[in-house]
Amino acid sequence: MKQVKVIIEKHCDGYVACPVGVKGIVVGEGDIYEEALKDVQSALKFHIETFGPDVLDGKV
């Protein structure tokens, strides 16, 4: 699978994770860093299964 850079930000009520260079909106969240990362990985997998691998072509 192609590697995707993910930005994870800490907020006062948890963490938010967003993949970079993906067509569409994919976001993960969690109380801890690892939860946010796991959530965004799951959301990205679903996004690719639903819309196809072209969402990763980098032409956002």
Protein backbone atom coordinates (compact mmCIF):
# COMPACT_ATOMS: atom_id res chain seq x y z
CA MET A 1 0.00 0.00 0.00
CA LYS A 2 1.13 3.55 -0.69
CA GLN A 3 2.40 5.52 2.29
CA VAL A 4 0.38 8.54 3.34
CA LYS A 5 1.66 11.31 5.60
CA VAL A 6 -0.65 11.97 8.56
CA ILE A 7 -0.70 15.13 10.65
CA ILE A 8 -1.83 14.61 14.23
CA GLU A 9 -2.65 17.65 16.35
CA LYS A 10 -3.12 17.73 20.10
CA HIS A 11 -6.16 19.69 21.27
CA CYS A 12 -7.45 20.36 24.76
CA ASP A 13 -9.95 17.50 24.47
CA GLY A 14 -7.86 14.93 22.56
CA TYR A 15 -6.11 14.39 19.25
CA VAL A 16 -7.19 14.95 15.62
CA ALA A 17 -5.50 13.18 12.71
CA CYS A 18 -5.70 14.18 9.03
CA PRO A 19 -3.96 12.47 6.10
CA VAL A 20 -2.13 14.72 3.62
CA GLY A 21 -2.69 14.57 -0.15
CA VAL A 22 -5.94 12.61 -0.15
CA LYS A 23 -8.92 13.61 -2.28
CA GLY A 24 -11.93 14.14 -0.04
CA ILE A 25 -12.15 14.59 3.68
CA VAL A 26 -10.74 11.96 6.01
CA VAL A 27 -10.33 12.64 9.74
CA GLY A 28 -9.58 10.54 12.78
CA GLU A 29 -9.83 11.41 16.45
CA GLY A 30 -9.01 9.96 19.81
CA ASP A 31 -8.30 10.68 23.44
CA ILE A 32 -4.67 9.63 22.95
CA TYR A 33 -2.26 9.85 20.01
CA GLU A 34 -2.45 6.15 19.20
CA GLU A 35 -6.27 6.18 19.12
CA ALA A 36 -6.30 9.08 16.66
CA LEU A 37 -3.77 7.32 14.44
CA LYS A 38 -5.71 4.05 14.47
CA ASP A 39 -8.97 5.89 13.78
CA VAL A 40 -7.59 7.79 10.78
CA GLN A 41 -6.04 4.59 9.39
CA SER A 42 -9.45 2.91 9.58
CA ALA A 43 -11.18 5.92 8.01
CA LEU A 44 -8.61 6.08 5.21
CA LYS A 45 -9.01 2.36 4.48
CA PHE A 46 -12.79 2.82 4.23
CA HIS A 47 -12.32 5.91 2.02
CA ILE A 48 -10.08 3.99 -0.41
CA GLU A 49 -12.43 0.98 -0.47
CA THR A 50 -15.40 3.27 -1.18
CA PHE A 51 -13.91 5.68 -3.74
CA GLY A 52 -11.00 3.67 -5.14
CA PRO A 53 -7.21 4.09 -5.08
CA ASP A 54 -7.37 7.24 -7.23
CA VAL A 55 -8.03 9.23 -4.03
CA LEU A 56 -4.30 8.78 -3.32
CA ASP A 57 -2.96 10.14 -6.60
CA GLY A 58 -1.79 13.36 -4.96
CA LYS A 59 -3.83 15.66 -7.22
CA VAL A 60 -5.89 17.28 -4.51
